[in-house]
């Protein structure tokens, strides 16, 4: 069955397959189509983002800066973005000014556009300390904006904790100290490739804020889901392991229609062959498995529709797996990417 929505997938990297190559870029599948189109072919893509108030505008974060579509994903063109050699990993559209867009990069860098992504300016260096020596540059994985204080923005950093801005991105404060305190607990220690057992708690992948709890921030890290109610001064373990056998948190999204409903992608590890999409309908107090599929790779991205609460999609590595429901989870359909396309990093639907 063809989707009623436009789908976009960002493809990058070859994690876990040293020496192998594969297709990269952005694939789009427009509403009603039976197949995917390869709309960006020459650059790795780590983020695809649909503008929440104008779905004809779609952003792609690539190894060559920001690309943008203004025709609902039929075509993309490079924006007027600085040639800094920065990979773009995340986007945030300012809810108080939809023409203002933020882009987060690797190494940790912030950019801002005031004209809906036509032109971009580099912001001041966030000045985050290096806390874990990794074989890759740390990056701004996701951003979240306070629902009533738009100048307050949070950034989840892989692998470097969390930062907060209170002036619209002009300056940033490190709010990772309490994550490091938690990392001293035996069950929250994790060291895979760095020089510190703090690595797992600093391995931030996604961050979200519900309008029903505007001062609460939920963070998805390697060791699970964590919550702060005091702007990052302290963090509390949400103990998602009570509900899921797997606790590696890769993505978390709050429903645009219902602030009590949120979705979390929980898998075994960054490189795994299992995972599940879990839903909370009580603001994160409890969780239940939502999907009805069997993935063969870590679930990397959850995509929610800005208008239709019944539409939810997930993307998993390493086999180009895309699954979705458009009836609130009653039925699921598989919409895999073309054969040989792997390493989904980001998925968007709208």
Protein backbone atom coordinates (compact mmCIF):
# COMPACT_ATOMS: atom_id res chain seq x y z
CA UNK A 1 0.00 0.00 0.00
CA UNK A 2 1.38 3.39 -0.96
CA UNK A 3 1.87 5.92 1.81
CA UNK A 4 -0.47 8.89 2.03
CA UNK A 5 2.47 11.01 3.21
CA UNK A 6 5.80 12.16 1.84
CA UNK A 7 8.73 10.21 3.28
CA UNK A 8 12.40 11.20 3.40
CA UNK A 9 15.42 9.18 4.45
CA UNK A 10 18.95 10.44 5.13
CA UNK A 11 21.68 7.88 4.41
CA UNK A 12 25.29 8.10 5.59
CA UNK A 13 28.29 6.19 6.85
CA UNK A 14 29.31 2.59 6.87
CA UNK A 15 29.50 1.87 10.59
CA UNK A 16 30.43 -1.73 11.31
CA UNK A 17 31.45 -2.53 7.74
CA UNK A 18 35.05 -1.41 7.47
CA UNK A 19 36.28 -1.08 3.92
CA UNK A 20 32.82 -1.35 2.40
CA UNK A 21 31.06 1.33 0.43
CA UNK A 22 27.42 2.04 -0.17
CA UNK A 23 24.89 4.51 -1.46
CA UNK A 24 24.56 7.80 0.44
CA UNK A 25 22.40 10.92 0.29
CA UNK A 26 18.66 11.54 0.53
CA UNK A 27 15.82 9.38 -0.74
CA UNK A 28 12.28 10.70 -1.06
CA UNK A 29 9.06 8.81 -1.55
CA UNK A 30 6.24 11.16 -2.39
CA UNK A 31 2.65 10.48 -1.35
CA UNK A 32 1.10 7.73 -3.45
CA UNK A 33 4.39 6.64 -5.02
CA UNK A 34 5.37 2.99 -5.07
CA UNK A 35 9.13 3.56 -5.03
CA UNK A 36 11.86 5.82 -3.69
CA UNK A 37 13.69 8.55 -5.63
CA UNK A 38 17.38 9.26 -4.98
CA UNK A 39 17.26 13.07 -4.77
CA UNK A 40 20.70 13.79 -3.23
CA UNK A 41 23.37 11.40 -4.49
CA UNK A 42 26.81 12.87 -3.86
CA UNK A 43 26.91 13.59 -0.12
CA UNK A 44 26.31 11.69 3.08
CA UNK A 45 23.22 12.86 4.95
CA UNK A 46 22.68 12.69 8.72
CA UNK A 47 19.49 14.74 9.09
CA UNK A 48 16.29 15.33 7.15
CA UNK A 49 13.77 17.78 8.58
CA UNK A 50 10.39 18.93 7.31
CA UNK A 51 9.43 22.51 8.13
CA UNK A 52 6.57 22.23 10.65
CA UNK A 53 4.44 25.01 9.13
CA UNK A 54 5.34 24.57 5.45
CA UNK A 55 5.83 20.90 4.45
CA UNK A 56 6.99 21.92 0.98
CA UNK A 57 10.26 23.00 2.64
CA UNK A 58 12.59 20.15 3.59
CA UNK A 59 16.13 20.48 4.96
CA UNK A 60 18.96 17.98 4.56
CA UNK A 61 22.09 18.03 6.69
CA UNK A 62 25.02 16.68 4.70
CA UNK A 63 28.79 16.47 4.48
CA UNK A 64 28.53 19.55 2.24
CA UNK A 65 26.44 21.72 4.55
CA UNK A 66 22.69 22.36 4.28
CA UNK A 67 20.60 21.42 1.26
CA UNK A 68 16.98 22.52 0.92
CA UNK A 69 13.93 21.51 -1.07
CA UNK A 70 11.08 23.96 -1.69
CA UNK A 71 8.98 21.54 -3.75
CA UNK A 72 8.24 18.85 -1.14
CA UNK A 73 11.30 16.77 -1.83
CA UNK A 74 11.20 16.55 -5.60
CA UNK A 75 14.49 18.44 -5.87
CA UNK A 76 17.14 19.75 -3.47
CA UNK A 77 19.73 22.51 -3.86
CA UNK A 78 22.64 23.61 -1.72
CA UNK A 79 21.84 26.72 0.33
CA UNK A 80 24.12 29.69 0.87
CA UNK A 81 25.98 27.90 3.65
CA UNK A 82 29.58 28.59 4.76
CA UNK A 83 32.20 26.31 3.22
CA UNK A 84 33.54 25.24 6.60
CA UNK A 85 33.88 21.52 5.97
CA UNK A 86 31.31 20.91 8.71
CA UNK A 87 28.93 17.96 8.71
CA UNK A 88 25.34 18.93 9.58
CA UNK A 89 23.60 16.53 11.97
CA UNK A 90 20.50 18.34 13.23
CA UNK A 91 17.92 21.08 12.64
CA UNK A 92 15.55 23.12 14.77
CA UNK A 93 12.83 25.46 13.51
CA UNK A 94 12.13 28.28 15.97
CA UNK A 95 8.48 27.93 17.00
CA UNK A 96 8.25 31.67 17.69
CA UNK A 97 9.67 32.63 14.28
CA UNK A 98 9.36 29.92 11.61
CA UNK A 99 11.84 31.69 9.33
CA UNK A 100 14.59 31.20 11.94
CA UNK A 101 16.29 27.83 11.59
CA UNK A 102 19.17 26.36 13.59
CA UNK A 103 21.61 23.75 12.31
CA UNK A 104 23.97 21.72 14.48
CA UNK A 105 27.23 20.34 13.19
CA UNK A 106 30.23 18.10 13.67
CA UNK A 107 32.65 19.09 15.09
CA UNK A 108 30.32 20.81 17.58
CA UNK A 109 29.26 23.95 15.73
CA UNK A 110 26.06 25.99 15.49
CA UNK A 111 24.56 27.88 12.54
CA UNK A 112 21.46 30.04 12.23
CA UNK A 113 19.32 31.20 9.32
CA UNK A 114 16.87 34.09 9.48
CA UNK A 115 15.33 33.55 6.03
CA UNK A 116 14.01 29.98 6.19
CA UNK A 117 17.32 28.45 5.24
CA UNK A 118 18.31 30.46 2.18
CA UNK A 119 21.39 31.89 3.91
CA UNK A 120 23.25 30.84 7.05
CA UNK A 121 25.60 32.43 9.57
CA UNK A 122 27.99 30.62 11.87
CA UNK A 123 27.37 31.31 15.56
CA UNK A 124 30.01 31.64 18.27
CA UNK A 125 31.87 28.48 19.27
CA UNK A 126 29.80 26.77 22.01
CA UNK A 127 33.05 26.16 23.90
CA UNK A 128 32.22 22.68 25.12
CA UNK A 129 35.09 20.86 26.86
CA UNK A 130 36.36 17.62 25.36
CA UNK A 131 35.37 14.92 27.83
CA UNK A 132 35.81 11.72 25.83
CA UNK A 133 38.44 11.03 23.19
CA UNK A 134 36.54 9.38 20.36
CA UNK A 135 37.56 8.19 16.88
CA UNK A 136 35.16 10.78 15.42
CA UNK A 137 34.43 14.44 16.08
CA UNK A 138 31.60 15.04 18.57
CA UNK A 139 28.40 16.41 17.08
CA UNK A 140 25.14 18.21 17.80
CA UNK A 141 22.76 15.29 17.39
CA UNK A 142 19.42 16.92 18.25
CA UNK A 143 18.05 20.19 19.60
CA UNK A 144 14.96 21.11 21.63
CA UNK A 145 13.43 24.51 22.33
CA UNK A 146 11.58 25.62 25.45
CA UNK A 147 7.85 25.86 24.58
CA UNK A 148 7.34 29.31 26.12
CA UNK A 149 10.89 30.69 26.28
CA UNK A 150 12.15 30.45 22.69
CA UNK A 151 15.57 31.84 23.55
CA UNK A 152 16.25 28.68 25.59
CA UNK A 153 17.56 25.85 23.44
CA UNK A 154 19.10 22.53 24.44
CA UNK A 155 21.58 20.51 22.38
CA UNK A 156 22.27 16.78 22.73
CA UNK A 157 25.91 16.04 21.93
CA UNK A 158 27.40 12.73 20.79
CA UNK A 159 29.68 11.97 22.72
CA UNK A 160 29.89 15.08 24.91
CA UNK A 161 26.79 15.46 27.07
CA UNK A 162 24.33 18.35 26.80
CA UNK A 163 24.53 22.12 26.35
CA UNK A 164 21.98 24.90 26.86
CA UNK A 165 21.60 28.38 25.38
CA UNK A 166 19.48 31.10 26.96
CA UNK A 167 20.06 33.69 24.25
CA UNK A 168 18.95 31.99 21.05
CA UNK A 169 22.25 30.27 20.36
CA UNK A 170 24.62 33.19 20.81
CA UNK A 171 26.26 31.50 23.81
CA UNK A 172 26.07 28.08 25.46
CA UNK A 173 26.38 26.54 28.93
CA UNK A 174 27.62 23.02 29.61
CA UNK A 175 25.01 21.10 31.63
CA UNK A 176 26.71 17.69 31.68
CA UNK A 177 28.17 17.66 35.19
CA UNK A 178 25.39 15.62 36.75
CA UNK A 179 25.45 13.11 33.89
CA UNK A 180 29.06 12.44 34.83
CA UNK A 181 28.05 12.01 38.47
CA UNK A 182 25.49 9.41 37.41
CA UNK A 183 28.15 7.66 35.33
CA UNK A 184 29.94 6.73 38.55
CA UNK A 185 27.15 4.25 39.31
CA UNK A 186 28.25 0.76 38.24
CA UNK A 187 25.23 0.08 36.02
CA UNK A 188 25.71 3.39 34.18
CA UNK A 189 29.41 2.99 33.42
CA UNK A 190 30.26 2.31 29.78
CA UNK A 191 33.51 2.54 27.84
CA UNK A 192 33.73 1.19 24.29
CA UNK A 193 36.24 3.28 22.33
CA UNK A 194 37.16 6.25 24.51
CA UNK A 195 39.43 6.75 27.53
CA UNK A 196 36.65 7.13 30.11
CA UNK A 197 33.80 5.13 31.64
CA UNK A 198 31.75 8.33 31.49
CA UNK A 199 31.40 7.65 27.78
CA UNK A 200 27.97 6.01 27.94
CA UNK A 201 26.31 8.84 29.85
CA UNK A 202 27.89 11.45 27.57
CA UNK A 203 26.71 9.58 24.48
CA UNK A 204 23.64 11.78 23.84
CA UNK A 205 21.50 11.02 20.82
CA UNK A 206 18.21 12.90 21.17
CA UNK A 207 16.47 15.46 23.36
CA UNK A 208 12.84 16.51 23.67
CA UNK A 209 10.52 18.82 25.62
CA UNK A 210 6.75 18.45 25.99
CA UNK A 211 4.56 21.59 26.10
CA UNK A 212 2.75 19.88 28.98
CA UNK A 213 6.01 19.96 30.98
CA UNK A 214 7.82 23.01 29.58
CA UNK A 215 10.61 22.99 32.16
CA UNK A 216 11.21 19.26 31.84
CA UNK A 217 13.75 17.93 29.36
CA UNK A 218 14.11 14.28 28.33
CA UNK A 219 17.46 13.03 27.05
CA UNK A 220 18.12 9.77 25.19
CA UNK A 221 21.64 8.41 25.76
CA UNK A 222 23.39 5.08 25.43
CA UNK A 223 22.40 4.16 28.99
CA UNK A 224 18.68 4.94 28.66
CA UNK A 225 16.35 7.91 29.11
CA UNK A 226 17.04 10.70 31.61
CA UNK A 227 15.01 13.72 32.77
CA UNK A 228 15.83 17.12 34.22
CA UNK A 229 13.42 19.57 35.82
CA UNK A 230 15.99 22.23 36.70
CA UNK A 231 17.56 23.19 33.36
CA UNK A 232 20.18 20.47 33.50
CA UNK A 233 21.56 21.09 36.97
CA UNK A 234 20.48 17.57 37.93
CA UNK A 235 19.38 14.56 35.88
CA UNK A 236 17.22 11.61 36.94
CA UNK A 237 17.13 8.13 35.46
CA UNK A 238 13.66 7.43 34.03
CA UNK A 239 14.45 3.70 34.41
CA UNK A 240 13.02 2.77 31.02
CA UNK A 241 14.42 -0.71 31.58
CA UNK A 242 11.30 -1.42 33.64
CA UNK A 243 9.37 -1.48 30.36
CA UNK A 244 11.88 -2.49 27.69
CA UNK A 245 14.49 -5.26 27.53
CA UNK A 246 16.68 -2.87 25.52
CA UNK A 247 17.65 0.56 26.81
CA UNK A 248 20.03 2.08 24.24
CA UNK A 249 18.20 5.35 23.50
CA UNK A 250 18.68 6.61 19.97
CA UNK A 251 15.68 8.87 19.38
CA UNK A 252 12.81 10.42 21.33
CA UNK A 253 9.99 12.53 19.94
CA UNK A 254 6.97 14.22 21.53
CA UNK A 255 3.73 14.04 19.59
CA UNK A 256 2.95 17.41 17.96
CA UNK A 257 -0.73 16.84 18.76
CA UNK A 258 -0.56 15.56 22.36
CA UNK A 259 2.16 16.56 24.80
CA UNK A 260 1.52 13.51 26.96
CA UNK A 261 2.36 11.16 24.08
CA UNK A 262 5.96 10.47 23.18
CA UNK A 263 7.89 7.83 21.27
CA UNK A 264 11.33 6.38 22.05
CA UNK A 265 13.56 4.23 19.85
CA UNK A 266 15.22 1.67 22.12
CA UNK A 267 17.74 -0.85 20.81
CA UNK A 268 20.59 -3.02 22.06
CA UNK A 269 23.51 -0.84 20.98
CA UNK A 270 24.71 1.41 18.17
CA UNK A 271 25.50 -1.68 16.14
CA UNK A 272 22.82 -4.26 16.80
CA UNK A 273 20.17 -6.34 15.06
CA UNK A 274 17.20 -5.69 17.31
CA UNK A 275 15.15 -2.87 18.76
CA UNK A 276 11.67 -1.58 19.38
CA UNK A 277 9.63 1.58 19.19
CA UNK A 278 8.01 2.37 22.54
CA UNK A 279 5.19 4.80 23.27
CA UNK A 280 4.29 6.65 26.45
CA UNK A 281 0.87 8.24 26.87
CA UNK A 282 1.51 9.66 30.32
CA UNK A 283 4.44 11.98 29.75
CA UNK A 284 7.11 9.29 30.10
CA UNK A 285 5.93 7.72 33.34
CA UNK A 286 5.29 4.38 31.62
CA UNK A 287 6.05 2.87 28.22
CA UNK A 288 4.64 0.12 25.99
CA UNK A 289 5.95 -1.45 22.80
CA UNK A 290 4.23 0.33 19.92
CA UNK A 291 5.54 -1.20 16.71
CA UNK A 292 4.53 -4.61 15.38
CA UNK A 293 7.61 -5.33 13.31
CA UNK A 294 10.95 -7.13 13.61
CA UNK A 295 13.87 -4.92 12.66
CA UNK A 296 17.31 -6.27 11.79
CA UNK A 297 19.27 -3.21 12.85
CA UNK A 298 19.37 -0.50 15.48
CA UNK A 299 16.39 1.85 15.20
CA UNK A 300 17.99 5.18 14.37
CA UNK A 301 15.08 7.54 13.80
CA UNK A 302 11.42 8.04 14.67
CA UNK A 303 9.35 10.22 12.33
CA UNK A 304 6.08 11.82 13.45
CA UNK A 305 3.64 13.65 11.20
CA UNK A 306 3.08 17.31 12.14
CA UNK A 307 -0.64 17.12 11.27
CA UNK A 308 -1.71 13.47 11.50
CA UNK A 309 -1.20 11.80 14.91
CA UNK A 310 -1.91 8.37 13.42
CA UNK A 311 1.17 8.47 11.18
CA UNK A 312 4.43 7.19 12.70
CA UNK A 313 7.49 5.82 10.89
CA UNK A 314 10.78 4.30 11.99
CA UNK A 315 14.07 3.75 10.22
CA UNK A 316 16.63 1.08 11.12
CA UNK A 317 20.15 0.24 10.02
CA UNK A 318 21.74 -1.76 8.41
CA UNK A 319 19.36 -2.97 5.70
CA UNK A 320 17.51 0.18 4.71
CA UNK A 321 14.47 -0.81 6.74
CA UNK A 322 11.58 1.65 6.90
CA UNK A 323 8.32 0.70 8.61
CA UNK A 324 5.30 2.84 9.24
CA UNK A 325 1.74 3.03 10.41
CA UNK A 326 -0.90 5.46 9.21
CA UNK A 327 -3.70 4.12 11.40
CA UNK A 328 -2.32 4.74 14.86
CA UNK A 329 -0.37 1.50 15.12
CA UNK A 330 -3.10 -1.01 14.18
CA UNK A 331 -1.30 -2.05 11.01
CA UNK A 332 2.26 -1.59 9.76
CA UNK A 333 3.74 -1.54 6.31
CA UNK A 334 7.29 -2.08 5.11
CA UNK A 335 8.71 0.50 2.71
CA UNK A 336 12.35 -0.58 2.38
CA UNK A 337 14.87 1.52 0.55
CA UNK A 338 16.27 0.10 -2.71
CA UNK A 339 18.43 -3.01 -2.42
CA UNK A 340 21.91 -2.25 -1.13
CA UNK A 341 20.98 1.08 0.51
CA UNK A 342 21.93 0.87 4.17
CA UNK A 343 22.78 3.06 7.17
CA UNK A 344 19.64 5.12 7.71
CA UNK A 345 20.44 7.99 10.06
CA UNK A 346 17.32 10.11 9.77
CA UNK A 347 13.72 9.74 8.68
CA UNK A 348 11.00 12.36 8.21
CA UNK A 349 7.33 12.14 7.25
CA UNK A 350 4.88 14.88 6.37
